[in-house]
Amino acid sequence: MQSASFSIINYQFDEVYINLHNYKEGDLGILFTTKGVFQKDKKVFELIFSVSLQHENTEPFVRINCKGLFEFKNVETIEDIPDFFYKNSIAILFPYVRAYISLVTTQANVPGIILPTYNLSSLEEKLRNNTTEA
């Protein structure tokens, strides 16, 4: 059997909420959530990657939902998805989310919100557990 390979074929921001009235420079709390749907008939995987930013004890002032669509070769079932995909798919989408937040907040003529790079490998297991087959 050949090893599985994948590539990103599309991504989009389908939900964006930014309320700069609640934004203050300083330490930010960040929350990541992930969910996946493997479409067996098309051999594609839809990754829903959400990021929320907030200050302690406040409502989030940024909520971004990004959907990435990945295409597989040599994957027939959800069980065939290689372990490395779950970690790498998140790592592929995060720079787009990070750049989008930076671009929009900088263009709003306020001090831009520049997220650092993160090691998101802890999200791998969560994504695997939140993945369904359609």
C-alpha atoms as a PDB file:
ATOM      1  CA  MET A   1       0.000   0.000   0.000  1.00  0.00           C
ATOM      2  CA  GLN A   2       1.261   3.465  -0.856  1.00  0.00           C
ATOM      3  CA  SER A   3       1.540   6.031   1.892  1.00  0.00           C
ATOM      4  CA  ALA A   4      -1.254   8.576   2.124  1.00  0.00           C
ATOM      5  CA  SER A   5      -0.698  12.109   0.960  1.00  0.00           C
ATOM      6  CA  PHE A   6      -2.839  15.201   1.254  1.00  0.00           C
ATOM      7  CA  SER A   7      -2.967  18.776   0.063  1.00  0.00           C
ATOM      8  CA  ILE A   8      -5.007  21.817   0.948  1.00  0.00           C
ATOM      9  CA  ILE A   9      -7.411  22.742  -1.824  1.00  0.00           C
ATOM     10  CA  ASN A  10      -9.248  25.673  -0.245  1.00  0.00           C
ATOM     11  CA  TYR A  11      -9.799  27.635   2.945  1.00  0.00           C
ATOM     12  CA  GLN A  12     -12.219  30.356   3.942  1.00  0.00           C
ATOM     13  CA  PHE A  13     -13.176  32.425   6.949  1.00  0.00           C
ATOM     14  CA  ASP A  14     -16.882  31.741   7.319  1.00  0.00           C
ATOM     15  CA  GLU A  15     -17.380  33.462  10.681  1.00  0.00           C
ATOM     16  CA  VAL A  16     -15.502  36.544  11.838  1.00  0.00           C
ATOM     17  CA  TYR A  17     -16.256  38.595  14.940  1.00  0.00           C
ATOM     18  CA  ILE A  18     -13.963  41.408  16.066  1.00  0.00           C
ATOM     19  CA  ASN A  19     -15.041  43.928  18.697  1.00  0.00           C
ATOM     20  CA  LEU A  20     -12.152  46.255  19.447  1.00  0.00           C
ATOM     21  CA  HIS A  21     -14.115  48.070  22.171  1.00  0.00           C
ATOM     22  CA  ASN A  22     -13.153  45.197  24.472  1.00  0.00           C
ATOM     23  CA  TYR A  23      -9.518  45.088  23.366  1.00  0.00           C
ATOM     24  CA  LYS A  24      -6.685  46.327  25.570  1.00  0.00           C
ATOM     25  CA  GLU A  25      -3.031  45.722  24.917  1.00  0.00           C
ATOM     26  CA  GLY A  26      -1.532  43.140  27.211  1.00  0.00           C
ATOM     27  CA  ASP A  27      -1.805  39.459  27.931  1.00  0.00           C
ATOM     28  CA  LEU A  28      -4.396  37.659  25.876  1.00  0.00           C
ATOM     29  CA  GLY A  29      -6.184  34.430  26.544  1.00  0.00           C
ATOM     30  CA  ILE A  30      -6.482  32.285  23.452  1.00  0.00           C
ATOM     31  CA  LEU A  31      -8.778  29.341  22.884  1.00  0.00           C
ATOM     32  CA  PHE A  32      -8.479  26.908  19.987  1.00  0.00           C
ATOM     33  CA  THR A  33     -11.213  24.491  18.949  1.00  0.00           C
ATOM     34  CA  THR A  34     -11.104  21.979  16.132  1.00  0.00           C
ATOM     35  CA  LYS A  35     -13.552  19.716  14.383  1.00  0.00           C
ATOM     36  CA  GLY A  36     -13.260  17.590  11.266  1.00  0.00           C
ATOM     37  CA  VAL A  37     -15.511  15.860   8.760  1.00  0.00           C
ATOM     38  CA  PHE A  38     -14.095  13.247   6.385  1.00  0.00           C
ATOM     39  CA  GLN A  39     -16.196  12.973   3.229  1.00  0.00           C
ATOM     40  CA  LYS A  40     -15.488   9.425   2.167  1.00  0.00           C
ATOM     41  CA  ASP A  41     -17.027   9.661  -1.307  1.00  0.00           C
ATOM     42  CA  LYS A  42     -14.942  12.713  -2.276  1.00  0.00           C
ATOM     43  CA  LYS A  43     -11.838  11.762  -0.259  1.00  0.00           C
ATOM     44  CA  VAL A  44     -11.754  15.217   1.286  1.00  0.00           C
ATOM     45  CA  PHE A  45     -11.444  16.361   4.865  1.00  0.00           C
ATOM     46  CA  GLU A  46     -13.067  19.566   6.108  1.00  0.00           C
ATOM     47  CA  LEU A  47     -11.224  21.030   9.080  1.00  0.00           C
ATOM     48  CA  ILE A  48     -13.081  23.624  11.120  1.00  0.00           C
ATOM     49  CA  PHE A  49     -10.509  25.590  13.121  1.00  0.00           C
ATOM     50  CA  SER A  50     -11.746  28.286  15.514  1.00  0.00           C
ATOM     51  CA  VAL A  51      -9.732  30.834  17.468  1.00  0.00           C
ATOM     52  CA  SER A  52     -11.072  33.082  20.247  1.00  0.00           C
ATOM     53  CA  LEU A  53      -9.162  35.881  21.972  1.00  0.00           C
ATOM     54  CA  GLN A  54     -10.118  37.472  25.255  1.00  0.00           C
ATOM     55  CA  HIS A  55      -8.772  39.150  28.337  1.00  0.00           C
ATOM     56  CA  GLU A  56      -9.213  37.448  31.693  1.00  0.00           C
ATOM     57  CA  ASN A  57     -12.836  37.378  32.899  1.00  0.00           C
ATOM     58  CA  THR A  58     -14.208  39.061  29.768  1.00  0.00           C
ATOM     59  CA  GLU A  59     -16.132  38.024  26.704  1.00  0.00           C
ATOM     60  CA  PRO A  60     -14.039  37.192  23.632  1.00  0.00           C
ATOM     61  CA  PHE A  61     -13.316  40.221  21.466  1.00  0.00           C
ATOM     62  CA  VAL A  62     -12.140  38.099  18.530  1.00  0.00           C
ATOM     63  CA  ARG A  63     -13.742  34.920  17.210  1.00  0.00           C
ATOM     64  CA  ILE A  64     -12.556  33.549  13.893  1.00  0.00           C
ATOM     65  CA  ASN A  65     -13.803  30.375  12.270  1.00  0.00           C
ATOM     66  CA  CYS A  66     -11.700  29.042   9.403  1.00  0.00           C
ATOM     67  CA  LYS A  67     -12.674  26.065   7.260  1.00  0.00           C
ATOM     68  CA  GLY A  68      -9.937  24.271   5.402  1.00  0.00           C
ATOM     69  CA  LEU A  69     -10.602  21.648   2.761  1.00  0.00           C
ATOM     70  CA  PHE A  70      -7.948  18.976   2.274  1.00  0.00           C
ATOM     71  CA  GLU A  71      -7.815  16.371  -0.467  1.00  0.00           C
ATOM     72  CA  PHE A  72      -6.386  12.890   0.097  1.00  0.00           C
ATOM     73  CA  LYS A  73      -4.665  10.387  -2.118  1.00  0.00           C
ATOM     74  CA  ASN A  74      -4.626   6.736  -1.030  1.00  0.00           C
ATOM     75  CA  VAL A  75      -7.197   7.207   1.749  1.00  0.00           C
ATOM     76  CA  GLU A  76     -10.442   5.261   1.505  1.00  0.00           C
ATOM     77  CA  THR A  77     -11.835   5.420   5.064  1.00  0.00           C
ATOM     78  CA  ILE A  78     -11.456   7.566   8.148  1.00  0.00           C
ATOM     79  CA  GLU A  79      -9.199   4.873   9.619  1.00  0.00           C
ATOM     80  CA  ASP A  80      -6.781   5.323   6.698  1.00  0.00           C
ATOM     81  CA  ILE A  81      -6.110   8.961   7.599  1.00  0.00           C
ATOM     82  CA  PRO A  82      -2.498   9.027   8.774  1.00  0.00           C
ATOM     83  CA  ASP A  83      -1.714  10.244  12.282  1.00  0.00           C
ATOM     84  CA  PHE A  84       0.504  13.045  10.996  1.00  0.00           C
ATOM     85  CA  PHE A  85      -2.419  14.624   9.133  1.00  0.00           C
ATOM     86  CA  TYR A  86      -4.225  15.773  12.276  1.00  0.00           C
ATOM     87  CA  LYS A  87      -1.255  17.758  13.561  1.00  0.00           C
ATOM     88  CA  ASN A  88      -0.105  19.034  10.174  1.00  0.00           C
ATOM     89  CA  SER A  89      -3.512  20.189   8.932  1.00  0.00           C
ATOM     90  CA  ILE A  90      -3.859  22.490  11.942  1.00  0.00           C
ATOM     91  CA  ALA A  91      -0.311  23.766  11.438  1.00  0.00           C
ATOM     92  CA  ILE A  92      -1.140  24.527   7.792  1.00  0.00           C
ATOM     93  CA  LEU A  93      -4.270  26.568   8.612  1.00  0.00           C
ATOM     94  CA  PHE A  94      -3.016  28.504  11.646  1.00  0.00           C
ATOM     95  CA  PRO A  95      -0.732  30.921   9.732  1.00  0.00           C
ATOM     96  CA  TYR A  96      -3.726  32.027   7.634  1.00  0.00           C
ATOM     97  CA  VAL A  97      -5.759  32.720  10.781  1.00  0.00           C
ATOM     98  CA  ARG A  98      -2.835  34.469  12.448  1.00  0.00           C
ATOM     99  CA  ALA A  99      -2.209  36.680   9.391  1.00  0.00           C
ATOM    100  CA  TYR A 100      -5.908  37.502   9.021  1.00  0.00           C
ATOM    101  CA  ILE A 101      -6.198  38.711  12.631  1.00  0.00           C
ATOM    102  CA  SER A 102      -3.036  40.782  12.240  1.00  0.00           C
ATOM    103  CA  LEU A 103      -4.127  42.303   8.926  1.00  0.00           C
ATOM    104  CA  VAL A 104      -7.648  43.253   9.993  1.00  0.00           C
ATOM    105  CA  THR A 105      -6.638  44.754  13.340  1.00  0.00           C
ATOM    106  CA  THR A 106      -3.722  46.681  11.857  1.00  0.00           C
ATOM    107  CA  GLN A 107      -5.969  48.093   9.121  1.00  0.00           C
ATOM    108  CA  ALA A 108      -8.421  49.251  11.811  1.00  0.00           C
ATOM    109  CA  ASN A 109      -5.836  51.855  12.870  1.00  0.00           C
ATOM    110  CA  VAL A 110      -5.320  50.351  16.315  1.00  0.00           C
ATOM    111  CA  PRO A 111      -2.241  48.575  17.604  1.00  0.00           C
ATOM    112  CA  GLY A 112      -2.363  45.340  15.639  1.00  0.00           C
ATOM    113  CA  ILE A 113      -2.969  42.029  17.328  1.00  0.00           C
ATOM    114  CA  ILE A 114       0.026  39.946  16.367  1.00  0.00           C
ATOM    115  CA  LEU A 115      -0.281  36.414  17.636  1.00  0.00           C
ATOM    116  CA  PRO A 116       2.929  34.551  18.320  1.00  0.00           C
ATOM    117  CA  THR A 117       3.636  31.216  16.744  1.00  0.00           C
ATOM    118  CA  TYR A 118       2.283  28.320  18.776  1.00  0.00           C
ATOM    119  CA  ASN A 119       3.063  24.661  19.051  1.00  0.00           C
ATOM    120  CA  LEU A 120      -0.414  23.315  18.317  1.00  0.00           C
ATOM    121  CA  SER A 121       0.465  19.631  18.570  1.00  0.00           C
ATOM    122  CA  SER A 122      -1.743  19.348  21.679  1.00  0.00           C
ATOM    123  CA  LEU A 123      -4.762  19.863  19.387  1.00  0.00           C
ATOM    124  CA  GLU A 124      -3.975  16.717  17.398  1.00  0.00           C
ATOM    125  CA  GLU A 125      -5.835  14.343  19.714  1.00  0.00           C
ATOM    126  CA  LYS A 126      -8.775  16.728  20.109  1.00  0.00           C
ATOM    127  CA  LEU A 127      -9.176  16.944  16.336  1.00  0.00           C
ATOM    128  CA  ARG A 128      -8.966  13.183  15.975  1.00  0.00           C
ATOM    129  CA  ASN A 129     -11.688  12.753  18.632  1.00  0.00           C
ATOM    130  CA  ASN A 130     -13.865  15.463  17.035  1.00  0.00           C
ATOM    131  CA  THR A 131     -13.707  13.975  13.540  1.00  0.00           C
ATOM    132  CA  THR A 132     -16.672  12.261  11.939  1.00  0.00           C
ATOM    133  CA  GLU A 133     -17.232  10.535   8.623  1.00  0.00           C
ATOM    134  CA  ALA A 134     -19.912  11.678   6.187  1.00  0.00           C
END
